[in-house]
Amino acid sequence: MAERKDAAGKGTIRSDRLLLEPAGRERLEAERTGGDVFAAAIDAVVPDSWPMEDLREVLPLFIDAFRRRPEAAVWYGWHWILEEGGRRFLVGGGGFHGPPDRKGRAEIGYAVAPSFRGRGFASEGTAALLGWAFARPETRRIDAETDAGNAPSIRVLEKNRFLPARRSGEGGRIWFSLGRERFLSV
């Protein structure tokens, strides 16, 4: 994984198959609008299913966070782009619920468009974000939360060396955690 600066001077993360591009407020506004507006903003083909319902619900919160804390904006969202056959495709996205707190903890989230699932993009994009986050000295631990019945999401976390931390009730939510030491011990 390598981080490089794009034409606007913002960091872009490159993994084996993906470019992770910082969302930025303008991109998130376009994402909320959707369709051709969003496709033009990211210069990529966007699946009809994007943004998915749960992301549509939180987009206003992320946009508000960008307004309130522009210095922390890069933590909130990244678009995952696949370059293939001379074209760019949005396969998913991810980011953090904000920068690390005073104890060095941040929470990660991710999503992959249904048409790109089952090809390892969630694991790859998550790994790239983890590398980016743990390269910052303020990051001590990354947490994640998922539905207990979401086997693909649990597998993404396990592949990225997260450990179960706690559960809520029967069939509820599972929280996972990954510390800096465990991440760096690969």
N, C-alpha and C. Protein backbone atom coordinates (compact mmCIF):
# COMPACT_ATOMS: atom_id res chain seq x y z
N MET A 1 0.84 -1.16 0.00
CA MET A 1 0.00 0.00 0.00
C MET A 1 0.89 1.23 0.00
N ALA A 2 0.58 2.16 -0.88
CA ALA A 2 1.33 3.40 -0.95
C ALA A 2 0.35 4.56 -0.94
N GLU A 3 0.77 5.65 -0.31
CA GLU A 3 -0.05 6.86 -0.32
C GLU A 3 0.64 7.87 -1.22
N ARG A 4 -0.14 8.49 -2.09
CA ARG A 4 0.41 9.51 -2.96
C ARG A 4 -0.53 10.70 -2.95
N LYS A 5 -0.03 11.84 -3.39
CA LYS A 5 -0.86 13.04 -3.46
C LYS A 5 -1.47 13.16 -4.84
N ASP A 6 -2.75 13.52 -4.89
CA ASP A 6 -3.38 13.74 -6.18
C ASP A 6 -3.20 15.19 -6.59
N ALA A 7 -3.80 15.57 -7.70
CA ALA A 7 -3.61 16.91 -8.24
C ALA A 7 -4.06 18.00 -7.25
N ALA A 8 -5.01 17.69 -6.40
CA ALA A 8 -5.49 18.66 -5.43
C ALA A 8 -4.66 18.64 -4.15
N GLY A 9 -3.62 17.79 -4.11
CA GLY A 9 -2.76 17.71 -2.94
C GLY A 9 -3.31 16.85 -1.84
N LYS A 10 -4.36 16.11 -2.12
CA LYS A 10 -4.96 15.23 -1.11
C LYS A 10 -4.39 13.83 -1.29
N GLY A 11 -4.23 13.13 -0.19
CA GLY A 11 -3.67 11.79 -0.25
C GLY A 11 -4.61 10.79 -0.86
N THR A 12 -4.09 9.97 -1.74
CA THR A 12 -4.81 8.84 -2.31
C THR A 12 -4.05 7.59 -1.93
N ILE A 13 -4.75 6.59 -1.47
CA ILE A 13 -4.12 5.34 -1.08
C ILE A 13 -4.28 4.35 -2.22
N ARG A 14 -3.21 3.68 -2.57
CA ARG A 14 -3.27 2.65 -3.62
C ARG A 14 -3.02 1.29 -2.96
N SER A 15 -3.96 0.37 -3.19
CA SER A 15 -3.76 -1.02 -2.77
C SER A 15 -3.50 -1.83 -4.03
N ASP A 16 -3.54 -3.15 -3.95
CA ASP A 16 -3.27 -3.98 -5.13
C ASP A 16 -4.18 -3.64 -6.30
N ARG A 17 -5.49 -3.51 -6.03
CA ARG A 17 -6.44 -3.28 -7.13
C ARG A 17 -7.22 -1.98 -7.02
N LEU A 18 -7.13 -1.32 -5.90
CA LEU A 18 -8.00 -0.17 -5.65
C LEU A 18 -7.23 1.13 -5.46
N LEU A 19 -7.89 2.21 -5.82
CA LEU A 19 -7.48 3.55 -5.41
C LEU A 19 -8.48 3.99 -4.36
N LEU A 20 -8.00 4.40 -3.21
CA LEU A 20 -8.87 4.94 -2.17
C LEU A 20 -8.67 6.45 -2.19
N GLU A 21 -9.70 7.15 -2.59
CA GLU A 21 -9.61 8.60 -2.74
C GLU A 21 -10.42 9.28 -1.64
N PRO A 22 -9.83 10.29 -0.97
CA PRO A 22 -10.58 10.97 0.10
C PRO A 22 -11.87 11.57 -0.44
N ALA A 23 -12.94 11.39 0.29
CA ALA A 23 -14.25 11.84 -0.18
C ALA A 23 -14.33 13.36 -0.28
N GLY A 24 -14.00 14.07 0.74
CA GLY A 24 -14.14 15.52 0.73
C GLY A 24 -15.60 15.94 0.73
N ARG A 25 -15.83 17.14 1.20
CA ARG A 25 -17.19 17.64 1.35
C ARG A 25 -17.92 17.73 0.01
N GLU A 26 -17.24 18.22 -1.03
CA GLU A 26 -17.90 18.37 -2.33
C GLU A 26 -18.33 17.02 -2.89
N ARG A 27 -17.47 16.03 -2.75
CA ARG A 27 -17.82 14.68 -3.22
C ARG A 27 -18.99 14.11 -2.44
N LEU A 28 -19.00 14.35 -1.12
CA LEU A 28 -20.11 13.83 -0.31
C LEU A 28 -21.43 14.50 -0.67
N GLU A 29 -21.38 15.81 -0.94
CA GLU A 29 -22.59 16.51 -1.39
C GLU A 29 -23.09 15.90 -2.69
N ALA A 30 -22.15 15.63 -3.62
CA ALA A 30 -22.52 15.01 -4.90
C ALA A 30 -23.05 13.60 -4.68
N GLU A 31 -22.45 12.88 -3.74
CA GLU A 31 -22.90 11.52 -3.44
C GLU A 31 -24.33 11.53 -2.91
N ARG A 32 -24.64 12.52 -2.10
CA ARG A 32 -26.00 12.64 -1.57
C ARG A 32 -26.99 12.91 -2.71
N THR A 33 -26.57 13.72 -3.69
CA THR A 33 -27.41 13.99 -4.86
C THR A 33 -27.55 12.74 -5.72
N GLY A 34 -26.42 12.01 -5.90
CA GLY A 34 -26.43 10.74 -6.62
C GLY A 34 -26.37 10.88 -8.13
N GLY A 35 -26.56 9.76 -8.80
CA GLY A 35 -26.64 9.70 -10.26
C GLY A 35 -25.44 10.29 -10.97
N ASP A 36 -25.73 10.99 -12.07
CA ASP A 36 -24.69 11.56 -12.92
C ASP A 36 -23.86 12.61 -12.19
N VAL A 37 -24.47 13.32 -11.24
CA VAL A 37 -23.74 14.35 -10.49
C VAL A 37 -22.59 13.70 -9.71
N PHE A 38 -22.90 12.61 -9.04
CA PHE A 38 -21.86 11.91 -8.27
C PHE A 38 -20.84 11.27 -9.19
N ALA A 39 -21.29 10.62 -10.25
CA ALA A 39 -20.37 9.99 -11.20
C ALA A 39 -19.38 11.01 -11.76
N ALA A 40 -19.85 12.20 -12.10
CA ALA A 40 -18.97 13.25 -12.62
C ALA A 40 -18.00 13.74 -11.55
N ALA A 41 -18.47 13.84 -10.31
CA ALA A 41 -17.61 14.33 -9.22
C ALA A 41 -16.44 13.40 -8.95
N ILE A 42 -16.65 12.10 -9.10
CA ILE A 42 -15.56 11.16 -8.83
C ILE A 42 -14.95 10.60 -10.11
N ASP A 43 -15.47 11.02 -11.26
CA ASP A 43 -14.98 10.56 -12.56
C ASP A 43 -14.95 9.04 -12.62
N ALA A 44 -16.09 8.42 -12.31
CA ALA A 44 -16.17 6.96 -12.30
C ALA A 44 -17.61 6.52 -12.58
N VAL A 45 -17.73 5.30 -13.04
CA VAL A 45 -19.04 4.66 -13.19
C VAL A 45 -19.51 4.30 -11.79
N VAL A 46 -20.73 4.68 -11.47
CA VAL A 46 -21.29 4.44 -10.14
C VAL A 46 -22.44 3.43 -10.27
N PRO A 47 -22.41 2.35 -9.50
CA PRO A 47 -23.51 1.37 -9.56
C PRO A 47 -24.86 2.02 -9.19
N ASP A 48 -25.93 1.57 -9.83
CA ASP A 48 -27.26 2.10 -9.54
C ASP A 48 -27.63 1.94 -8.07
N SER A 49 -27.06 0.95 -7.40
CA SER A 49 -27.39 0.69 -6.00
C SER A 49 -26.70 1.66 -5.03
N TRP A 50 -25.86 2.54 -5.53
CA TRP A 50 -25.07 3.43 -4.65
C TRP A 50 -25.69 4.81 -4.61
N PRO A 51 -25.77 5.45 -3.44
CA PRO A 51 -25.41 4.90 -2.13
C PRO A 51 -26.53 4.01 -1.58
N MET A 52 -26.11 3.02 -0.86
CA MET A 52 -27.07 2.10 -0.26
C MET A 52 -27.78 2.80 0.90
N GLU A 53 -28.89 2.24 1.33
CA GLU A 53 -29.76 2.92 2.29
C GLU A 53 -29.05 3.35 3.57
N ASP A 54 -28.24 2.47 4.17
CA ASP A 54 -27.58 2.84 5.42
C ASP A 54 -26.60 4.00 5.22
N LEU A 55 -25.96 4.06 4.07
CA LEU A 55 -25.04 5.16 3.77
C LEU A 55 -25.82 6.45 3.53
N ARG A 56 -26.95 6.36 2.83
CA ARG A 56 -27.77 7.55 2.59
C ARG A 56 -28.18 8.20 3.91
N GLU A 57 -28.41 7.36 4.91
CA GLU A 57 -28.83 7.87 6.22
C GLU A 57 -27.72 8.63 6.93
N VAL A 58 -26.46 8.21 6.76
CA VAL A 58 -25.36 8.86 7.49
C VAL A 58 -24.64 9.94 6.69
N LEU A 59 -24.87 10.04 5.39
CA LEU A 59 -24.19 11.07 4.60
C LEU A 59 -24.37 12.47 5.19
N PRO A 60 -25.58 12.87 5.59
CA PRO A 60 -25.71 14.21 6.18
C PRO A 60 -24.85 14.40 7.44
N LEU A 61 -24.69 13.34 8.21
CA LEU A 61 -23.85 13.42 9.41
C LEU A 61 -22.38 13.65 9.04
N PHE A 62 -21.91 12.94 8.01
CA PHE A 62 -20.53 13.12 7.57
C PHE A 62 -20.32 14.52 6.98
N ILE A 63 -21.28 14.99 6.22
CA ILE A 63 -21.17 16.34 5.64
C ILE A 63 -21.10 17.37 6.76
N ASP A 64 -21.92 17.20 7.78
CA ASP A 64 -21.89 18.10 8.93
C ASP A 64 -20.55 18.02 9.65
N ALA A 65 -20.00 16.82 9.79
CA ALA A 65 -18.70 16.66 10.44
C ALA A 65 -17.60 17.39 9.66
N PHE A 66 -17.68 17.35 8.34
CA PHE A 66 -16.72 18.08 7.51
C PHE A 66 -16.79 19.58 7.78
N ARG A 67 -18.00 20.08 7.95
CA ARG A 67 -18.18 21.52 8.23
C ARG A 67 -17.60 21.88 9.60
N ARG A 68 -17.89 21.05 10.59
CA ARG A 68 -17.48 21.34 11.96
C ARG A 68 -15.99 21.15 12.19
N ARG A 69 -15.40 20.13 11.55
CA ARG A 69 -13.98 19.81 11.81
C ARG A 69 -13.25 19.56 10.49
N PRO A 70 -13.04 20.59 9.68
CA PRO A 70 -12.39 20.39 8.39
C PRO A 70 -10.98 19.80 8.51
N GLU A 71 -10.30 20.06 9.62
CA GLU A 71 -8.95 19.51 9.80
C GLU A 71 -8.97 17.99 9.97
N ALA A 72 -10.10 17.43 10.33
CA ALA A 72 -10.22 15.98 10.53
C ALA A 72 -10.96 15.30 9.39
N ALA A 73 -11.26 16.04 8.34
CA ALA A 73 -12.12 15.54 7.27
C ALA A 73 -11.63 14.25 6.64
N VAL A 74 -10.33 14.10 6.50
CA VAL A 74 -9.79 12.93 5.81
C VAL A 74 -10.13 11.62 6.54
N TRP A 75 -10.45 11.68 7.79
CA TRP A 75 -10.80 10.47 8.54
C TRP A 75 -12.18 9.93 8.16
N TYR A 76 -13.07 10.79 7.68
CA TYR A 76 -14.48 10.41 7.55
C TYR A 76 -14.83 9.53 6.36
N GLY A 77 -14.24 9.75 5.21
CA GLY A 77 -14.70 8.98 4.08
C GLY A 77 -13.71 8.86 2.95
N TRP A 78 -13.72 7.69 2.35
CA TRP A 78 -12.86 7.38 1.20
C TRP A 78 -13.70 6.62 0.18
N HIS A 79 -13.57 6.98 -1.07
CA HIS A 79 -14.23 6.24 -2.15
C HIS A 79 -13.24 5.23 -2.71
N TRP A 80 -13.70 4.00 -2.91
CA TRP A 80 -12.86 2.92 -3.39
C TRP A 80 -13.10 2.75 -4.88
N ILE A 81 -12.08 3.00 -5.67
CA ILE A 81 -12.18 3.03 -7.12
C ILE A 81 -11.35 1.88 -7.72
N LEU A 82 -11.97 1.17 -8.66
CA LEU A 82 -11.28 0.13 -9.43
C LEU A 82 -11.05 0.68 -10.83
N GLU A 83 -9.80 0.65 -11.29
CA GLU A 83 -9.48 1.05 -12.66
C GLU A 83 -9.32 -0.23 -13.47
N GLU A 84 -10.16 -0.36 -14.49
CA GLU A 84 -10.19 -1.59 -15.26
C GLU A 84 -10.59 -1.27 -16.70
N GLY A 85 -9.82 -1.75 -17.65
CA GLY A 85 -10.14 -1.54 -19.06
C GLY A 85 -10.23 -0.08 -19.45
N GLY A 86 -9.39 0.76 -18.84
CA GLY A 86 -9.39 2.18 -19.17
C GLY A 86 -10.55 2.97 -18.55
N ARG A 87 -11.31 2.33 -17.67
CA ARG A 87 -12.43 3.01 -17.01
C ARG A 87 -12.26 2.92 -15.50
N ARG A 88 -12.97 3.79 -14.82
CA ARG A 88 -12.97 3.82 -13.36
C ARG A 88 -14.36 3.42 -12.86
N PHE A 89 -14.39 2.55 -11.84
CA PHE A 89 -15.65 2.08 -11.27
C PHE A 89 -15.62 2.27 -9.76
N LEU A 90 -16.68 2.83 -9.21
CA LEU A 90 -16.82 2.89 -7.76
C LEU A 90 -17.24 1.51 -7.30
N VAL A 91 -16.43 0.87 -6.44
CA VAL A 91 -16.80 -0.44 -5.92
C VAL A 91 -17.33 -0.35 -4.49
N GLY A 92 -16.96 0.70 -3.78
CA GLY A 92 -17.40 0.83 -2.40
C GLY A 92 -16.77 2.02 -1.74
N GLY A 93 -16.78 1.99 -0.43
CA GLY A 93 -16.20 3.09 0.32
C GLY A 93 -16.05 2.71 1.78
N GLY A 94 -15.32 3.52 2.46
CA GLY A 94 -15.12 3.28 3.89
C GLY A 94 -14.47 4.49 4.52
N GLY A 95 -14.34 4.41 5.81
CA GLY A 95 -13.72 5.49 6.55
C GLY A 95 -13.92 5.26 8.03
N PHE A 96 -13.76 6.32 8.76
CA PHE A 96 -13.83 6.25 10.21
C PHE A 96 -14.93 7.17 10.71
N HIS A 97 -15.40 6.92 11.90
CA HIS A 97 -16.45 7.76 12.47
C HIS A 97 -15.88 9.07 12.97
N GLY A 98 -14.61 9.27 12.72
CA GLY A 98 -13.89 10.48 13.12
C GLY A 98 -12.46 10.12 13.43
N PRO A 99 -11.64 11.11 13.75
CA PRO A 99 -10.25 10.83 14.11
C PRO A 99 -10.19 10.11 15.47
N PRO A 100 -9.05 9.56 15.80
CA PRO A 100 -8.93 8.87 17.10
C PRO A 100 -9.25 9.80 18.27
N ASP A 101 -9.86 9.22 19.30
CA ASP A 101 -10.15 9.98 20.52
C ASP A 101 -8.88 10.15 21.35
N ARG A 102 -8.99 10.69 22.54
CA ARG A 102 -7.82 10.96 23.40
C ARG A 102 -7.05 9.68 23.74
N LYS A 103 -7.73 8.53 23.72
CA LYS A 103 -7.07 7.26 24.01
C LYS A 103 -6.51 6.60 22.75
N GLY A 104 -6.67 7.26 21.60
CA GLY A 104 -6.13 6.72 20.36
C GLY A 104 -7.04 5.73 19.65
N ARG A 105 -8.35 5.74 19.99
CA ARG A 105 -9.30 4.81 19.39
C ARG A 105 -10.12 5.48 18.30
N ALA A 106 -10.31 4.76 17.20
CA ALA A 106 -11.19 5.20 16.11
C ALA A 106 -12.04 4.01 15.70
N GLU A 107 -13.19 4.29 15.08
CA GLU A 107 -14.06 3.21 14.62
C GLU A 107 -14.16 3.25 13.11
N ILE A 108 -13.98 2.10 12.47
CA ILE A 108 -14.01 1.98 11.01
C ILE A 108 -15.37 1.47 10.54
N GLY A 109 -15.73 1.86 9.34
CA GLY A 109 -16.92 1.34 8.67
C GLY A 109 -16.61 1.21 7.18
N TYR A 110 -17.33 0.34 6.50
CA TYR A 110 -17.07 0.10 5.07
C TYR A 110 -18.31 -0.47 4.42
N ALA A 111 -18.36 -0.32 3.10
CA ALA A 111 -19.47 -0.88 2.32
C ALA A 111 -18.97 -1.15 0.91
N VAL A 112 -19.50 -2.20 0.31
CA VAL A 112 -19.18 -2.54 -1.07
C VAL A 112 -20.51 -2.68 -1.82
N ALA A 113 -20.57 -2.09 -3.00
CA ALA A 113 -21.78 -2.19 -3.82
C ALA A 113 -22.08 -3.66 -4.12
N PRO A 114 -23.34 -4.05 -4.10
CA PRO A 114 -23.70 -5.46 -4.31
C PRO A 114 -23.07 -6.08 -5.56
N SER A 115 -22.96 -5.34 -6.63
CA SER A 115 -22.41 -5.91 -7.87
C SER A 115 -20.91 -6.19 -7.79
N PHE A 116 -20.24 -5.72 -6.72
CA PHE A 116 -18.80 -5.97 -6.57
C PHE A 116 -18.48 -6.84 -5.36
N ARG A 117 -19.49 -7.37 -4.70
CA ARG A 117 -19.27 -8.20 -3.51
C ARG A 117 -18.73 -9.57 -3.90
N GLY A 118 -18.06 -10.20 -2.94
CA GLY A 118 -17.55 -11.55 -3.15
C GLY A 118 -16.25 -11.60 -3.93
N ARG A 119 -15.60 -10.47 -4.12
CA ARG A 119 -14.35 -10.42 -4.89
C ARG A 119 -13.17 -9.91 -4.05
N GLY A 120 -13.39 -9.78 -2.73
CA GLY A 120 -12.30 -9.39 -1.84
C GLY A 120 -12.07 -7.90 -1.72
N PHE A 121 -12.93 -7.08 -2.31
CA PHE A 121 -12.72 -5.63 -2.24
C PHE A 121 -12.90 -5.07 -0.83
N ALA A 122 -13.83 -5.61 -0.06
CA ALA A 122 -14.04 -5.11 1.30
C ALA A 122 -12.81 -5.38 2.16
N SER A 123 -12.25 -6.58 2.05
CA SER A 123 -11.04 -6.90 2.83
C SER A 123 -9.86 -6.04 2.39
N GLU A 124 -9.72 -5.86 1.10
CA GLU A 124 -8.60 -5.08 0.56
C GLU A 124 -8.71 -3.60 0.93
N GLY A 125 -9.90 -3.03 0.75
CA GLY A 125 -10.08 -1.62 1.09
C GLY A 125 -9.92 -1.37 2.58
N THR A 126 -10.44 -2.28 3.39
CA THR A 126 -10.29 -2.16 4.84
C THR A 126 -8.83 -2.24 5.25
N ALA A 127 -8.09 -3.17 4.67
CA ALA A 127 -6.66 -3.30 4.97
C ALA A 127 -5.92 -2.02 4.63
N ALA A 128 -6.25 -1.42 3.49
CA ALA A 128 -5.58 -0.18 3.09
C ALA A 128 -5.89 0.95 4.07
N LEU A 129 -7.15 1.05 4.50
CA LEU A 129 -7.49 2.09 5.49
C LEU A 129 -6.80 1.85 6.83
N LEU A 130 -6.70 0.59 7.23
CA LEU A 130 -6.01 0.28 8.48
C LEU A 130 -4.54 0.69 8.40
N GLY A 131 -3.89 0.39 7.28
CA GLY A 131 -2.50 0.79 7.11
C GLY A 131 -2.33 2.29 7.18
N TRP A 132 -3.25 3.00 6.54
CA TRP A 132 -3.22 4.47 6.57
C TRP A 132 -3.39 4.97 8.00
N ALA A 133 -4.38 4.44 8.73
CA ALA A 133 -4.67 4.91 10.10
C ALA A 133 -3.53 4.59 11.05
N PHE A 134 -3.00 3.37 10.99
CA PHE A 134 -1.95 3.00 11.92
C PHE A 134 -0.60 3.63 11.58
N ALA A 135 -0.48 4.23 10.40
CA ALA A 135 0.72 4.99 10.06
C ALA A 135 0.74 6.32 10.80
N ARG A 136 -0.38 6.70 11.40
CA ARG A 136 -0.46 7.93 12.18
C ARG A 136 -0.24 7.58 13.65
N PRO A 137 0.71 8.26 14.29
CA PRO A 137 1.07 7.88 15.67
C PRO A 137 -0.06 8.02 16.68
N GLU A 138 -1.07 8.84 16.40
CA GLU A 138 -2.16 9.02 17.35
C GLU A 138 -3.11 7.82 17.38
N THR A 139 -3.01 6.92 16.41
CA THR A 139 -3.91 5.77 16.34
C THR A 139 -3.35 4.61 17.14
N ARG A 140 -4.07 4.20 18.18
CA ARG A 140 -3.66 3.08 19.03
C ARG A 140 -4.54 1.84 18.81
N ARG A 141 -5.82 2.08 18.45
CA ARG A 141 -6.75 0.97 18.31
C ARG A 141 -7.85 1.36 17.33
N ILE A 142 -8.28 0.39 16.52
CA ILE A 142 -9.41 0.57 15.62
C ILE A 142 -10.50 -0.41 16.03
N ASP A 143 -11.71 0.10 16.18
CA ASP A 143 -12.86 -0.73 16.53
C ASP A 143 -13.79 -0.83 15.33
N ALA A 144 -14.62 -1.85 15.32
CA ALA A 144 -15.63 -2.05 14.27
C ALA A 144 -16.84 -2.72 14.90
N GLU A 145 -17.98 -2.48 14.31
CA GLU A 145 -19.24 -3.04 14.81
C GLU A 145 -19.99 -3.63 13.62
N THR A 146 -20.60 -4.79 13.82
CA THR A 146 -21.39 -5.39 12.75
C THR A 146 -22.51 -6.22 13.34
N ASP A 147 -23.49 -6.55 12.50
CA ASP A 147 -24.56 -7.45 12.92
C ASP A 147 -24.00 -8.84 13.12
N ALA A 148 -24.44 -9.53 14.16
CA ALA A 148 -23.96 -10.88 14.45
C ALA A 148 -24.24 -11.84 13.30
N GLY A 149 -25.26 -11.58 12.50
CA GLY A 149 -25.60 -12.44 11.38
C GLY A 149 -24.95 -12.06 10.05
N ASN A 150 -24.11 -11.04 10.06
CA ASN A 150 -23.47 -10.58 8.82
C ASN A 150 -22.13 -11.30 8.64
N ALA A 151 -22.20 -12.55 8.20
CA ALA A 151 -20.99 -13.38 8.06
C ALA A 151 -19.94 -12.75 7.13
N PRO A 152 -20.31 -12.15 5.98
CA PRO A 152 -19.28 -11.54 5.14
C PRO A 152 -18.52 -10.41 5.83
N SER A 153 -19.23 -9.58 6.59
CA SER A 153 -18.57 -8.48 7.30
C SER A 153 -17.66 -9.02 8.41
N ILE A 154 -18.13 -10.03 9.11
CA ILE A 154 -17.31 -10.65 10.15
C ILE A 154 -16.04 -11.22 9.53
N ARG A 155 -16.17 -11.83 8.37
CA ARG A 155 -14.99 -12.39 7.69
C ARG A 155 -14.00 -11.30 7.28
N VAL A 156 -14.49 -10.16 6.82
CA VAL A 156 -13.61 -9.03 6.49
C VAL A 156 -12.79 -8.64 7.72
N LEU A 157 -13.45 -8.54 8.85
CA LEU A 157 -12.75 -8.15 10.08
C LEU A 157 -11.75 -9.23 10.50
N GLU A 158 -12.14 -10.49 10.42
CA GLU A 158 -11.22 -11.57 10.80
C GLU A 158 -10.00 -11.59 9.87
N LYS A 159 -10.21 -11.42 8.57
CA LYS A 159 -9.08 -11.39 7.63
C LYS A 159 -8.11 -10.27 7.95
N ASN A 160 -8.64 -9.19 8.53
CA ASN A 160 -7.81 -8.05 8.88
C ASN A 160 -7.34 -8.09 10.33
N ARG A 161 -7.46 -9.28 10.96
CA ARG A 161 -6.88 -9.57 12.27
C ARG A 161 -7.60 -8.93 13.45
N PHE A 162 -8.83 -8.46 13.23
CA PHE A 162 -9.64 -7.96 14.35
C PHE A 162 -10.01 -9.13 15.25
N LEU A 163 -10.19 -8.84 16.51
CA LEU A 163 -10.65 -9.83 17.49
C LEU A 163 -12.00 -9.40 18.04
N PRO A 164 -12.90 -10.36 18.31
CA PRO A 164 -14.18 -9.99 18.93
C PRO A 164 -13.92 -9.36 20.30
N ALA A 165 -14.63 -8.29 20.60
CA ALA A 165 -14.43 -7.59 21.87
C ALA A 165 -15.64 -7.75 22.79
N ARG A 166 -16.85 -7.65 22.21
CA ARG A 166 -18.07 -7.82 23.02
C ARG A 166 -19.27 -8.01 22.10
N ARG A 167 -20.36 -8.50 22.71
CA ARG A 167 -21.62 -8.75 21.99
C ARG A 167 -22.75 -8.05 22.72
N SER A 168 -23.80 -7.74 21.96
CA SER A 168 -25.02 -7.25 22.60
C SER A 168 -26.12 -8.27 22.36
N GLY A 169 -26.66 -8.79 23.41
CA GLY A 169 -27.80 -9.70 23.33
C GLY A 169 -27.68 -10.80 22.30
N GLU A 170 -28.70 -11.62 22.26
CA GLU A 170 -28.74 -12.73 21.33
C GLU A 170 -29.04 -12.23 19.92
N GLY A 171 -28.18 -12.58 18.97
CA GLY A 171 -28.40 -12.20 17.58
C GLY A 171 -28.27 -10.73 17.30
N GLY A 172 -27.67 -9.96 18.20
CA GLY A 172 -27.56 -8.52 18.04
C GLY A 172 -26.31 -8.07 17.29
N ARG A 173 -25.54 -7.26 17.95
CA ARG A 173 -24.35 -6.67 17.37
C ARG A 173 -23.10 -7.30 17.98
N ILE A 174 -22.01 -7.30 17.21
CA ILE A 174 -20.70 -7.73 17.70
C ILE A 174 -19.74 -6.58 17.47
N TRP A 175 -18.95 -6.26 18.48
CA TRP A 175 -17.90 -5.27 18.35
C TRP A 175 -16.57 -5.99 18.27
N PHE A 176 -15.72 -5.50 17.39
CA PHE A 176 -14.38 -6.05 17.17
C PHE A 176 -13.37 -4.97 17.44
N SER A 177 -12.13 -5.39 17.72
CA SER A 177 -11.08 -4.43 18.01
C SER A 177 -9.75 -4.92 17.44
N LEU A 178 -8.93 -3.99 17.00
CA LEU A 178 -7.59 -4.28 16.49
C LEU A 178 -6.64 -3.24 17.03
N GLY A 179 -5.68 -3.70 17.84
CA GLY A 179 -4.68 -2.79 18.41
C GLY A 179 -3.49 -2.61 17.48
N ARG A 180 -2.79 -1.51 17.68
CA ARG A 180 -1.61 -1.20 16.88
C ARG A 180 -0.58 -2.34 16.91
N GLU A 181 -0.31 -2.89 18.09
CA GLU A 181 0.71 -3.94 18.21
C GLU A 181 0.33 -5.17 17.37
N ARG A 182 -0.92 -5.58 17.48
CA ARG A 182 -1.37 -6.74 16.70
C ARG A 182 -1.29 -6.45 15.20
N PHE A 183 -1.68 -5.26 14.79
CA PHE A 183 -1.64 -4.88 13.38
C PHE A 183 -0.20 -4.89 12.88
N LEU A 184 0.72 -4.36 13.64
CA LEU A 184 2.11 -4.25 13.21
C LEU A 184 2.89 -5.55 13.32
N SER A 185 2.31 -6.56 13.98
CA SER A 185 3.04 -7.82 14.19
C SER A 185 2.92 -8.78 13.05
N VAL A 186 2.40 -8.34 11.93
CA VAL A 186 2.23 -9.22 10.76
C VAL A 186 3.58 -9.61 10.19
